[in-house]
C-alpha cells in the first residue's frame, strides 16, 4: 500500500518550480509599431425606391398596367405579382397578403398616404380600378413598420405622377369581354 505522502510529494515539487509560461514580457523585449487612429462613419441610405436597408421593392411594368387598365387592382396584383390575393369572386371583396402574413398586415398607400380603412384595416382591392393609378410599387417585408403603419407583410403604394403644365388631358377607353362583360372608363385631368 502506498502512503498518502507519496501523492503529496509531486505537488510540493511542482509548487517550487518556477514556470515561465505566464511571465510578463517587458516593453524593451518587444518591438512595437504606432498605428494611426481610424474613424469609421456611416450614413443612412436615403433612397425613394428602397425605404429601408434590406427592403425589396418591386414595380409593376408599364405593359402590365396597360393590359389591365380596365380591370381592378386585385386582378392586376394576382396576375402580375407574388402577392396572394384572396377573392370572394369577380367584383367581390378581395384582400391581399404578403408571404404568410394576413390581410391586416398589408398597408395600402396612395402617394405615401395610408388609405387603409380605419375600422376594418383590411383593404378591398376589388374597389380600385387600375386606371386610377399611374404606377404600383410593392414593398415586401416589414420595413414599413418604422413608420408606425403595422405593415408587417408589406406595402402596396399607388403612385400618381402629376403633370404640372397647364393642360387638359382626356383618356377614354372601353373593353368588351367574355360572358357579356363590358368595361369603360374616362379620365379628365385639368391643370391650371
N, C-alpha and C. Protein backbone atom coordinates (compact mmCIF):
# COMPACT_ATOMS: atom_id res chain seq x y z
N UNK A 1 0.84 -1.16 0.00
CA UNK A 1 0.00 0.00 0.00
C UNK A 1 0.90 1.24 0.00
N UNK A 2 0.50 2.20 -0.84
CA UNK A 2 1.29 3.42 -1.00
C UNK A 2 0.75 4.44 -0.01
N UNK A 3 1.66 5.10 0.63
CA UNK A 3 1.21 6.07 1.64
C UNK A 3 0.71 7.35 0.98
N UNK A 4 -0.06 8.11 1.73
CA UNK A 4 -0.63 9.36 1.22
C UNK A 4 0.45 10.40 0.99
N UNK A 5 1.52 10.32 1.67
CA UNK A 5 2.60 11.30 1.49
C UNK A 5 3.24 11.16 0.11
N UNK A 6 3.14 10.00 -0.51
CA UNK A 6 3.67 9.79 -1.86
C UNK A 6 2.91 10.65 -2.87
N UNK A 7 1.64 10.84 -2.67
CA UNK A 7 0.82 11.67 -3.58
C UNK A 7 1.11 13.16 -3.37
N UNK A 8 1.45 13.56 -2.16
CA UNK A 8 1.70 14.97 -1.89
C UNK A 8 3.08 15.41 -2.34
N UNK A 9 4.00 14.50 -2.49
CA UNK A 9 5.37 14.83 -2.88
C UNK A 9 5.43 15.49 -4.26
N UNK A 10 4.79 14.99 -5.30
CA UNK A 10 4.85 15.69 -6.60
C UNK A 10 4.22 17.08 -6.55
N UNK A 11 3.16 17.23 -5.74
CA UNK A 11 2.54 18.54 -5.64
C UNK A 11 3.48 19.55 -5.00
N UNK A 12 4.22 19.12 -4.01
CA UNK A 12 5.17 20.02 -3.36
C UNK A 12 6.31 20.38 -4.30
N UNK A 13 6.77 19.43 -5.09
CA UNK A 13 7.85 19.71 -6.03
C UNK A 13 7.40 20.67 -7.14
N UNK A 14 6.18 20.51 -7.64
CA UNK A 14 5.68 21.37 -8.70
C UNK A 14 5.44 22.80 -8.21
N UNK A 15 5.11 22.95 -6.96
CA UNK A 15 4.86 24.30 -6.44
C UNK A 15 6.16 25.09 -6.29
N UNK A 16 7.28 24.43 -6.18
CA UNK A 16 8.57 25.10 -6.02
C UNK A 16 9.12 25.53 -7.39
N UNK A 17 8.81 24.77 -8.44
CA UNK A 17 9.36 25.04 -9.77
C UNK A 17 8.73 26.32 -10.32
N UNK A 18 9.57 27.20 -10.84
CA UNK A 18 9.07 28.45 -11.42
C UNK A 18 8.66 28.20 -12.87
N UNK A 19 7.47 28.64 -13.22
CA UNK A 19 7.01 28.46 -14.59
C UNK A 19 7.15 29.78 -15.34
N UNK A 20 7.59 29.68 -16.59
CA UNK A 20 7.83 30.87 -17.41
C UNK A 20 6.70 31.13 -18.42
N UNK A 21 5.72 30.30 -18.49
CA UNK A 21 4.66 30.45 -19.49
C UNK A 21 3.82 31.70 -19.23
N UNK A 22 3.63 32.06 -18.00
CA UNK A 22 2.79 33.20 -17.67
C UNK A 22 3.58 34.42 -17.26
N UNK A 23 4.88 34.39 -17.44
CA UNK A 23 5.70 35.53 -17.02
C UNK A 23 5.47 36.69 -17.99
N UNK A 24 5.29 37.90 -17.48
CA UNK A 24 5.06 39.05 -18.36
C UNK A 24 6.32 39.45 -19.11
N UNK A 25 6.13 39.87 -20.36
CA UNK A 25 7.25 40.35 -21.17
C UNK A 25 7.46 41.83 -20.87
N UNK A 26 8.65 42.23 -20.94
CA UNK A 26 8.94 43.64 -20.73
C UNK A 26 8.79 44.38 -22.05
N UNK A 27 8.60 45.71 -21.98
CA UNK A 27 8.40 46.50 -23.18
C UNK A 27 9.66 46.57 -24.02
N UNK A 28 10.77 46.49 -23.40
CA UNK A 28 12.04 46.59 -24.12
C UNK A 28 12.27 45.34 -24.98
N UNK A 29 11.72 44.21 -24.58
CA UNK A 29 11.93 42.97 -25.33
C UNK A 29 11.09 42.91 -26.61
N UNK A 30 9.98 43.63 -26.65
CA UNK A 30 9.04 43.52 -27.78
C UNK A 30 9.11 44.78 -28.66
N UNK A 31 9.23 44.59 -29.99
CA UNK A 31 9.15 45.76 -30.88
C UNK A 31 7.70 46.22 -30.98
N UNK A 32 7.47 47.49 -31.17
CA UNK A 32 6.10 47.99 -31.27
C UNK A 32 6.00 48.95 -32.46
N UNK A 33 4.79 49.01 -32.99
CA UNK A 33 4.51 49.86 -34.14
C UNK A 33 3.36 50.78 -33.76
N UNK A 34 3.52 52.06 -34.00
CA UNK A 34 2.44 53.01 -33.73
C UNK A 34 1.52 53.04 -34.94
N UNK A 35 0.22 52.83 -34.69
CA UNK A 35 -0.79 52.84 -35.75
C UNK A 35 -1.65 54.08 -35.55
N UNK A 36 -1.89 54.79 -36.65
CA UNK A 36 -2.73 55.97 -36.58
C UNK A 36 -4.17 55.56 -36.33
N UNK A 37 -4.93 56.42 -35.69
CA UNK A 37 -6.32 56.10 -35.39
C UNK A 37 -7.16 56.15 -36.67
N UNK A 38 -8.19 55.33 -36.70
CA UNK A 38 -9.09 55.24 -37.84
C UNK A 38 -10.50 55.57 -37.35
N UNK A 39 -11.19 56.45 -38.07
CA UNK A 39 -12.55 56.80 -37.72
C UNK A 39 -13.49 56.24 -38.78
N UNK A 40 -14.48 55.48 -38.33
CA UNK A 40 -15.44 54.87 -39.23
C UNK A 40 -16.77 55.61 -39.09
N UNK A 41 -17.28 56.11 -40.22
CA UNK A 41 -18.55 56.83 -40.21
C UNK A 41 -19.52 56.12 -41.13
N UNK A 42 -20.78 56.19 -40.79
CA UNK A 42 -21.82 55.60 -41.63
C UNK A 42 -23.00 56.54 -41.74
N UNK A 43 -23.61 56.54 -42.91
CA UNK A 43 -24.78 57.36 -43.14
C UNK A 43 -25.91 56.47 -43.61
N UNK A 44 -27.10 56.79 -43.18
CA UNK A 44 -28.27 56.02 -43.59
C UNK A 44 -28.56 56.29 -45.06
N UNK A 45 -28.84 55.23 -45.79
CA UNK A 45 -29.15 55.36 -47.21
C UNK A 45 -30.55 55.93 -47.34
N UNK A 46 -30.66 57.04 -48.03
CA UNK A 46 -31.96 57.67 -48.22
C UNK A 46 -32.29 57.62 -49.71
N UNK A 47 -33.02 56.61 -50.08
CA UNK A 47 -33.45 56.46 -51.47
C UNK A 47 -34.95 56.27 -51.49
N UNK A 48 -35.57 56.79 -52.52
CA UNK A 48 -37.03 56.70 -52.62
C UNK A 48 -37.47 55.28 -52.92
N UNK A 49 -36.73 54.58 -53.80
CA UNK A 49 -37.17 53.25 -54.20
C UNK A 49 -36.88 52.19 -53.16
N UNK A 50 -35.95 52.44 -52.22
CA UNK A 50 -35.68 51.50 -51.13
C UNK A 50 -35.79 52.24 -49.81
N UNK A 51 -36.94 52.21 -49.18
CA UNK A 51 -37.13 52.98 -47.96
C UNK A 51 -36.31 52.50 -46.78
N UNK A 52 -35.79 51.31 -46.84
CA UNK A 52 -35.04 50.77 -45.71
C UNK A 52 -34.05 49.74 -46.22
N UNK A 53 -32.97 49.57 -45.48
CA UNK A 53 -31.98 48.58 -45.85
C UNK A 53 -32.60 47.20 -45.71
N UNK A 54 -32.42 46.38 -46.69
CA UNK A 54 -32.97 45.04 -46.67
C UNK A 54 -34.36 44.93 -47.26
N UNK A 55 -34.95 46.05 -47.61
CA UNK A 55 -36.29 46.02 -48.20
C UNK A 55 -36.19 45.68 -49.68
N UNK A 56 -37.17 44.95 -50.16
CA UNK A 56 -37.23 44.62 -51.58
C UNK A 56 -38.45 45.31 -52.16
N UNK A 57 -38.22 46.11 -53.18
CA UNK A 57 -39.29 46.86 -53.81
C UNK A 57 -39.44 46.35 -55.24
N UNK A 58 -40.65 45.99 -55.61
CA UNK A 58 -40.92 45.59 -56.99
C UNK A 58 -41.95 46.55 -57.58
N UNK A 59 -41.79 46.84 -58.85
CA UNK A 59 -42.64 47.79 -59.54
C UNK A 59 -43.38 47.07 -60.65
N UNK A 60 -44.65 47.37 -60.80
CA UNK A 60 -45.43 46.80 -61.90
C UNK A 60 -44.92 47.37 -63.21
N UNK A 61 -44.80 46.53 -64.21
CA UNK A 61 -44.32 47.00 -65.50
C UNK A 61 -45.39 47.84 -66.20
N UNK A 62 -44.94 48.70 -67.10
CA UNK A 62 -45.88 49.56 -67.84
C UNK A 62 -46.80 48.71 -68.72
N UNK A 63 -46.28 47.59 -69.23
CA UNK A 63 -47.10 46.70 -70.06
C UNK A 63 -48.22 46.07 -69.24
N UNK A 64 -47.90 45.63 -68.01
CA UNK A 64 -48.93 45.02 -67.16
C UNK A 64 -50.00 46.04 -66.79
N UNK A 65 -49.60 47.28 -66.54
CA UNK A 65 -50.58 48.32 -66.22
C UNK A 65 -51.47 48.62 -67.42
N UNK A 66 -50.86 48.66 -68.61
CA UNK A 66 -51.64 48.97 -69.81
C UNK A 66 -52.61 47.84 -70.16
N UNK A 67 -52.17 46.60 -70.01
CA UNK A 67 -53.04 45.46 -70.32
C UNK A 67 -54.20 45.32 -69.34
N UNK A 68 -54.03 45.78 -68.12
CA UNK A 68 -55.05 45.64 -67.09
C UNK A 68 -55.77 46.95 -66.78
N UNK A 69 -55.74 47.92 -67.68
CA UNK A 69 -56.34 49.22 -67.45
C UNK A 69 -57.82 49.14 -67.10
N UNK A 70 -58.53 48.22 -67.70
CA UNK A 70 -59.98 48.12 -67.49
C UNK A 70 -60.32 47.19 -66.33
N UNK A 71 -59.33 46.66 -65.66
CA UNK A 71 -59.59 45.70 -64.58
C UNK A 71 -59.37 46.36 -63.22
N UNK A 72 -59.65 45.60 -62.18
CA UNK A 72 -59.44 46.13 -60.83
C UNK A 72 -58.01 45.85 -60.39
N UNK A 73 -57.63 46.53 -59.32
CA UNK A 73 -56.28 46.36 -58.76
C UNK A 73 -56.04 44.93 -58.30
N UNK A 74 -57.09 44.25 -57.86
CA UNK A 74 -56.94 42.86 -57.41
C UNK A 74 -56.56 41.95 -58.57
N UNK A 75 -57.11 42.19 -59.74
CA UNK A 75 -56.77 41.37 -60.90
C UNK A 75 -55.36 41.66 -61.39
N UNK A 76 -54.93 42.90 -61.29
CA UNK A 76 -53.55 43.26 -61.66
C UNK A 76 -52.56 42.56 -60.75
N UNK A 77 -52.77 42.65 -59.44
CA UNK A 77 -51.82 42.07 -58.48
C UNK A 77 -51.81 40.55 -58.52
N UNK A 78 -52.96 39.93 -58.73
CA UNK A 78 -52.99 38.46 -58.76
C UNK A 78 -52.32 37.92 -60.01
N UNK A 79 -52.33 38.66 -61.11
CA UNK A 79 -51.72 38.17 -62.33
C UNK A 79 -50.29 38.61 -62.55
N UNK A 80 -49.83 39.67 -61.88
CA UNK A 80 -48.52 40.24 -62.19
C UNK A 80 -47.59 40.36 -60.99
N UNK A 81 -47.92 39.77 -59.86
CA UNK A 81 -47.05 39.87 -58.68
C UNK A 81 -47.11 38.59 -57.87
N UNK A 82 -46.28 38.53 -56.83
CA UNK A 82 -46.25 37.36 -55.96
C UNK A 82 -47.15 37.53 -54.73
N UNK A 83 -47.90 38.61 -54.70
CA UNK A 83 -48.82 38.86 -53.58
C UNK A 83 -50.01 37.91 -53.70
N UNK A 84 -50.37 37.27 -52.58
CA UNK A 84 -51.50 36.36 -52.57
C UNK A 84 -52.79 37.16 -52.43
N UNK A 85 -53.69 36.98 -53.39
CA UNK A 85 -54.97 37.68 -53.38
C UNK A 85 -56.07 36.69 -53.01
N UNK A 86 -56.80 36.98 -51.95
CA UNK A 86 -57.92 36.15 -51.54
C UNK A 86 -59.20 36.84 -52.01
N UNK A 87 -59.87 36.20 -52.98
CA UNK A 87 -61.03 36.80 -53.61
C UNK A 87 -62.28 35.99 -53.32
N UNK A 88 -63.39 36.69 -53.15
CA UNK A 88 -64.68 36.04 -52.94
C UNK A 88 -65.45 35.92 -54.26
N UNK A 89 -64.80 36.18 -55.38
CA UNK A 89 -65.42 36.11 -56.69
C UNK A 89 -65.16 37.38 -57.48
N UNK A 90 -65.52 37.36 -58.75
CA UNK A 90 -65.27 38.52 -59.60
C UNK A 90 -66.08 39.72 -59.10
N UNK A 91 -65.36 40.80 -58.81
CA UNK A 91 -66.02 42.02 -58.32
C UNK A 91 -66.37 41.99 -56.86
N UNK A 92 -66.09 40.89 -56.16
CA UNK A 92 -66.42 40.78 -54.73
C UNK A 92 -65.21 41.17 -53.89
N UNK A 93 -65.40 41.15 -52.59
CA UNK A 93 -64.38 41.54 -51.62
C UNK A 93 -63.08 40.76 -51.84
N UNK A 94 -61.96 41.49 -52.02
CA UNK A 94 -60.67 40.87 -52.29
C UNK A 94 -59.62 41.50 -51.39
N UNK A 95 -58.85 40.67 -50.68
CA UNK A 95 -57.78 41.16 -49.81
C UNK A 95 -56.45 40.60 -50.29
N UNK A 96 -55.37 41.23 -49.83
CA UNK A 96 -54.02 40.82 -50.23
C UNK A 96 -53.20 40.49 -48.99
N UNK A 97 -52.29 39.54 -49.16
CA UNK A 97 -51.35 39.23 -48.08
C UNK A 97 -50.00 38.89 -48.68
N UNK A 98 -48.96 39.35 -48.00
CA UNK A 98 -47.58 39.13 -48.43
C UNK A 98 -47.00 37.95 -47.66
N UNK A 99 -46.59 36.93 -48.32
CA UNK A 99 -45.77 35.83 -47.80
C UNK A 99 -46.09 35.41 -46.37
N UNK A 100 -47.25 34.84 -46.17
CA UNK A 100 -47.58 34.24 -44.89
C UNK A 100 -48.20 35.17 -43.87
N UNK A 101 -48.34 36.43 -44.18
CA UNK A 101 -48.99 37.34 -43.24
C UNK A 101 -50.45 37.53 -43.62
N UNK A 102 -51.22 38.10 -42.74
CA UNK A 102 -52.63 38.30 -43.00
C UNK A 102 -52.90 39.59 -43.76
N UNK A 103 -54.15 39.75 -44.16
CA UNK A 103 -54.52 40.95 -44.92
C UNK A 103 -54.43 42.21 -44.07
N UNK A 104 -54.54 42.07 -42.76
CA UNK A 104 -54.42 43.23 -41.88
C UNK A 104 -52.98 43.72 -41.76
N UNK A 105 -52.04 42.90 -42.19
CA UNK A 105 -50.63 43.28 -42.14
C UNK A 105 -50.15 43.88 -43.46
N UNK A 106 -51.08 44.17 -44.38
CA UNK A 106 -50.74 44.77 -45.66
C UNK A 106 -51.20 46.22 -45.66
N UNK A 107 -50.25 47.11 -45.80
CA UNK A 107 -50.56 48.54 -45.84
C UNK A 107 -50.78 48.97 -47.29
N UNK A 108 -51.80 49.76 -47.54
CA UNK A 108 -52.06 50.32 -48.86
C UNK A 108 -51.94 51.83 -48.74
N UNK A 109 -51.13 52.42 -49.61
CA UNK A 109 -50.95 53.87 -49.57
C UNK A 109 -51.08 54.45 -50.97
N UNK A 110 -51.52 55.68 -51.03
CA UNK A 110 -51.64 56.40 -52.28
C UNK A 110 -50.70 57.59 -52.20
N UNK A 111 -49.63 57.58 -53.01
CA UNK A 111 -48.58 58.61 -52.98
C UNK A 111 -48.03 58.80 -51.57
N UNK A 112 -47.89 57.72 -50.82
CA UNK A 112 -47.33 57.77 -49.47
C UNK A 112 -48.33 58.02 -48.36
N UNK A 113 -49.59 58.23 -48.68
CA UNK A 113 -50.63 58.47 -47.67
C UNK A 113 -51.42 57.18 -47.47
N UNK A 114 -51.49 56.71 -46.23
CA UNK A 114 -52.18 55.46 -45.93
C UNK A 114 -53.68 55.60 -46.21
N UNK A 115 -54.23 54.65 -46.95
CA UNK A 115 -55.66 54.68 -47.26
C UNK A 115 -56.37 53.42 -46.78
N UNK A 116 -55.75 52.67 -45.88
CA UNK A 116 -56.43 51.52 -45.29
C UNK A 116 -57.64 51.98 -44.48
N UNK A 117 -58.72 51.19 -44.46
CA UNK A 117 -59.86 51.55 -43.62
C UNK A 117 -59.46 51.60 -42.15
N UNK A 118 -59.97 52.58 -41.45
CA UNK A 118 -59.59 52.76 -40.05
C UNK A 118 -60.17 51.67 -39.18
N UNK A 119 -61.41 51.30 -39.40
CA UNK A 119 -62.07 50.33 -38.54
C UNK A 119 -61.77 48.88 -38.93
N UNK A 120 -61.84 48.57 -40.21
CA UNK A 120 -61.68 47.19 -40.65
C UNK A 120 -60.23 46.79 -40.85
N UNK A 121 -59.40 47.72 -41.27
CA UNK A 121 -57.97 47.58 -41.51
C UNK A 121 -57.62 46.67 -42.67
N UNK A 122 -58.56 45.95 -43.26
CA UNK A 122 -58.30 45.16 -44.46
C UNK A 122 -58.82 45.93 -45.66
N UNK A 123 -57.96 46.12 -46.65
CA UNK A 123 -58.31 46.93 -47.82
C UNK A 123 -58.96 46.04 -48.87
N UNK A 124 -60.03 46.53 -49.50
CA UNK A 124 -60.72 45.79 -50.56
C UNK A 124 -60.14 46.24 -51.90
N UNK A 125 -59.31 45.38 -52.51
CA UNK A 125 -58.62 45.71 -53.76
C UNK A 125 -59.54 45.65 -54.97
N UNK A 126 -60.71 45.08 -54.84
CA UNK A 126 -61.62 45.00 -55.99
C UNK A 126 -62.33 46.31 -56.26
N UNK A 127 -62.25 47.25 -55.33
CA UNK A 127 -62.96 48.53 -55.50
C UNK A 127 -62.13 49.60 -56.21
N UNK A 128 -60.84 49.34 -56.43
CA UNK A 128 -59.97 50.33 -57.06
C UNK A 128 -59.61 49.88 -58.47
N UNK A 129 -60.04 50.62 -59.48
CA UNK A 129 -59.64 50.28 -60.85
C UNK A 129 -58.19 50.67 -61.11
N UNK A 130 -57.54 49.93 -61.99
CA UNK A 130 -56.14 50.21 -62.32
C UNK A 130 -56.00 51.57 -62.99
N UNK A 131 -57.03 52.02 -63.66
CA UNK A 131 -56.99 53.30 -64.38
C UNK A 131 -56.79 54.48 -63.43
N UNK A 132 -57.04 54.32 -62.14
CA UNK A 132 -56.88 55.40 -61.17
C UNK A 132 -55.44 55.67 -60.80
N UNK A 133 -54.51 54.84 -61.20
CA UNK A 133 -53.12 55.00 -60.80
C UNK A 133 -52.19 54.93 -62.01
N UNK A 134 -51.05 55.59 -61.89
CA UNK A 134 -50.05 55.58 -62.97
C UNK A 134 -48.99 54.50 -62.75
N UNK A 135 -48.76 54.14 -61.50
CA UNK A 135 -47.74 53.14 -61.19
C UNK A 135 -48.09 52.47 -59.87
N UNK A 136 -47.62 51.23 -59.69
CA UNK A 136 -47.85 50.48 -58.46
C UNK A 136 -46.52 49.89 -58.00
N UNK A 137 -46.11 50.22 -56.77
CA UNK A 137 -44.89 49.67 -56.17
C UNK A 137 -45.28 48.75 -55.01
N UNK A 138 -44.58 47.65 -54.89
CA UNK A 138 -44.80 46.72 -53.78
C UNK A 138 -43.53 46.68 -52.94
N UNK A 139 -43.65 47.00 -51.66
CA UNK A 139 -42.52 46.89 -50.73
C UNK A 139 -42.75 45.63 -49.91
N UNK A 140 -41.86 44.66 -50.06
CA UNK A 140 -42.01 43.36 -49.39
C UNK A 140 -41.31 43.40 -48.04
N UNK A 141 -41.94 42.82 -47.04
CA UNK A 141 -41.33 42.72 -45.71
C UNK A 141 -41.82 43.79 -44.76
N UNK A 142 -41.30 43.76 -43.57
CA UNK A 142 -41.76 44.65 -42.51
C UNK A 142 -41.01 45.96 -42.40
N UNK A 143 -40.34 46.40 -43.46
CA UNK A 143 -39.56 47.64 -43.37
C UNK A 143 -40.44 48.86 -43.18
N UNK A 144 -41.71 48.79 -43.52
CA UNK A 144 -42.61 49.92 -43.35
C UNK A 144 -43.07 50.09 -41.91
N UNK A 145 -42.73 49.17 -41.04
CA UNK A 145 -43.16 49.28 -39.64
C UNK A 145 -42.48 50.44 -38.94
N UNK A 146 -41.36 50.90 -39.44
CA UNK A 146 -40.68 52.04 -38.81
C UNK A 146 -41.54 53.29 -38.87
N UNK A 147 -42.50 53.34 -39.81
CA UNK A 147 -43.41 54.48 -39.91
C UNK A 147 -44.61 54.33 -38.99
N UNK A 148 -44.70 53.23 -38.25
CA UNK A 148 -45.83 53.01 -37.36
C UNK A 148 -47.08 52.55 -38.07
N UNK A 149 -46.92 51.95 -39.25
CA UNK A 149 -48.08 51.57 -40.04
C UNK A 149 -48.61 50.20 -39.69
N UNK A 150 -47.80 49.34 -39.09
CA UNK A 150 -48.22 47.98 -38.81
C UNK A 150 -48.14 47.08 -40.03
N UNK A 151 -47.43 47.53 -41.06
CA UNK A 151 -47.31 46.77 -42.30
C UNK A 151 -46.25 45.68 -42.14
N UNK A 152 -46.60 44.65 -41.42
CA UNK A 152 -45.67 43.55 -41.17
C UNK A 152 -45.38 42.77 -42.44
N UNK A 153 -46.38 42.61 -43.29
CA UNK A 153 -46.21 41.85 -44.52
C UNK A 153 -45.60 42.66 -45.64
N UNK A 154 -46.14 43.84 -45.88
CA UNK A 154 -45.64 44.67 -46.96
C UNK A 154 -46.54 45.86 -47.21
N UNK A 155 -46.19 46.61 -48.26
CA UNK A 155 -46.90 47.83 -48.58
C UNK A 155 -47.20 47.85 -50.08
N UNK A 156 -48.42 48.21 -50.43
CA UNK A 156 -48.81 48.44 -51.82
C UNK A 156 -48.98 49.94 -51.96
N UNK A 157 -48.12 50.57 -52.77
CA UNK A 157 -48.15 52.02 -52.93
C UNK A 157 -48.65 52.35 -54.32
N UNK A 158 -49.78 53.06 -54.40
CA UNK A 158 -50.35 53.52 -55.66
C UNK A 158 -49.79 54.91 -55.93
N UNK A 159 -49.17 55.09 -57.09
CA UNK A 159 -48.48 56.34 -57.38
C UNK A 159 -49.12 57.03 -58.57
N UNK A 160 -49.43 58.29 -58.40
CA UNK A 160 -49.88 59.13 -59.50
C UNK A 160 -48.82 60.20 -59.74
N UNK A 161 -48.37 60.32 -60.97
CA UNK A 161 -47.36 61.32 -61.31
C UNK A 161 -48.06 62.53 -61.91
N UNK A 162 -48.03 63.66 -61.21
CA UNK A 162 -48.74 64.83 -61.71
C UNK A 162 -47.99 65.49 -62.86
N UNK A 163 -48.75 66.07 -63.77
CA UNK A 163 -48.20 66.86 -64.85
C UNK A 163 -48.54 68.31 -64.53
N UNK A 164 -47.54 69.10 -64.15
CA UNK A 164 -47.78 70.44 -63.65
C UNK A 164 -47.88 71.49 -64.75
N UNK A 165 -47.86 71.08 -65.98
CA UNK A 165 -48.01 72.05 -67.06
C UNK A 165 -49.49 72.39 -67.24
N UNK A 166 -49.75 73.61 -67.71
CA UNK A 166 -51.14 74.00 -67.98
C UNK A 166 -51.66 73.16 -69.14
N UNK A 167 -52.54 72.23 -68.81
CA UNK A 167 -53.04 71.36 -69.86
C UNK A 167 -54.34 70.71 -69.43
N UNK A 168 -55.05 70.19 -70.41
CA UNK A 168 -56.23 69.38 -70.16
C UNK A 168 -56.01 68.05 -70.88
N UNK A 169 -56.16 66.99 -70.16
CA UNK A 169 -55.88 65.66 -70.69
C UNK A 169 -57.15 64.82 -70.61
N UNK A 170 -57.47 64.15 -71.69
CA UNK A 170 -58.65 63.30 -71.73
C UNK A 170 -58.26 61.93 -72.26
N UNK A 171 -58.56 60.89 -71.49
CA UNK A 171 -58.36 59.49 -71.89
C UNK A 171 -59.70 58.78 -71.75
N UNK A 172 -60.09 58.06 -72.77
CA UNK A 172 -61.32 57.27 -72.70
C UNK A 172 -61.08 55.94 -73.40
N UNK A 173 -61.56 54.87 -72.82
CA UNK A 173 -61.45 53.57 -73.47
C UNK A 173 -62.57 52.66 -73.00
N UNK A 174 -62.81 51.65 -73.80
CA UNK A 174 -63.85 50.66 -73.49
C UNK A 174 -63.31 49.28 -73.78
N UNK A 175 -63.83 48.29 -73.06
CA UNK A 175 -63.37 46.92 -73.23
C UNK A 175 -64.58 45.99 -73.19
N UNK A 176 -64.62 45.07 -74.12
CA UNK A 176 -65.68 44.06 -74.17
C UNK A 176 -65.03 42.72 -73.88
N UNK A 177 -65.58 41.99 -72.92
CA UNK A 177 -65.01 40.72 -72.54
C UNK A 177 -65.97 39.57 -72.72
N UNK A 178 -65.53 38.41 -72.30
CA UNK A 178 -66.34 37.21 -72.38
C UNK A 178 -67.50 37.28 -71.38
N UNK A 179 -68.50 36.48 -71.60
CA UNK A 179 -69.67 36.38 -70.72
C UNK A 179 -70.40 37.72 -70.59
N UNK A 180 -70.47 38.47 -71.68
CA UNK A 180 -71.18 39.75 -71.72
C UNK A 180 -70.69 40.74 -70.67
N UNK A 181 -69.39 40.86 -70.52
CA UNK A 181 -68.83 41.86 -69.60
C UNK A 181 -68.34 43.04 -70.41
N UNK A 182 -68.71 44.24 -69.98
CA UNK A 182 -68.34 45.48 -70.64
C UNK A 182 -67.72 46.40 -69.60
N UNK A 183 -66.59 46.99 -69.95
CA UNK A 183 -65.92 47.89 -69.02
C UNK A 183 -65.53 49.15 -69.79
N UNK A 184 -65.71 50.27 -69.19
CA UNK A 184 -65.31 51.53 -69.81
C UNK A 184 -64.89 52.53 -68.75
N UNK A 185 -64.03 53.45 -69.13
CA UNK A 185 -63.62 54.49 -68.21
C UNK A 185 -63.18 55.72 -68.97
N UNK A 186 -63.20 56.82 -68.29
CA UNK A 186 -62.75 58.08 -68.85
C UNK A 186 -62.00 58.86 -67.78
N UNK A 187 -60.91 59.47 -68.17
CA UNK A 187 -60.09 60.25 -67.25
C UNK A 187 -59.96 61.65 -67.81
N UNK A 188 -60.27 62.64 -67.01
CA UNK A 188 -60.08 64.03 -67.40
C UNK A 188 -59.20 64.68 -66.34
N UNK A 189 -58.06 65.21 -66.76
CA UNK A 189 -57.16 65.92 -65.86
C UNK A 189 -56.98 67.34 -66.38
N UNK A 190 -57.27 68.29 -65.53
CA UNK A 190 -57.10 69.68 -65.91
C UNK A 190 -56.17 70.34 -64.91
N UNK A 191 -55.11 70.94 -65.42
CA UNK A 191 -54.16 71.64 -64.57
C UNK A 191 -54.10 73.09 -65.05
N UNK A 192 -54.34 74.04 -64.17
CA UNK A 192 -54.29 75.48 -64.49
C UNK A 192 -53.42 76.19 -63.50
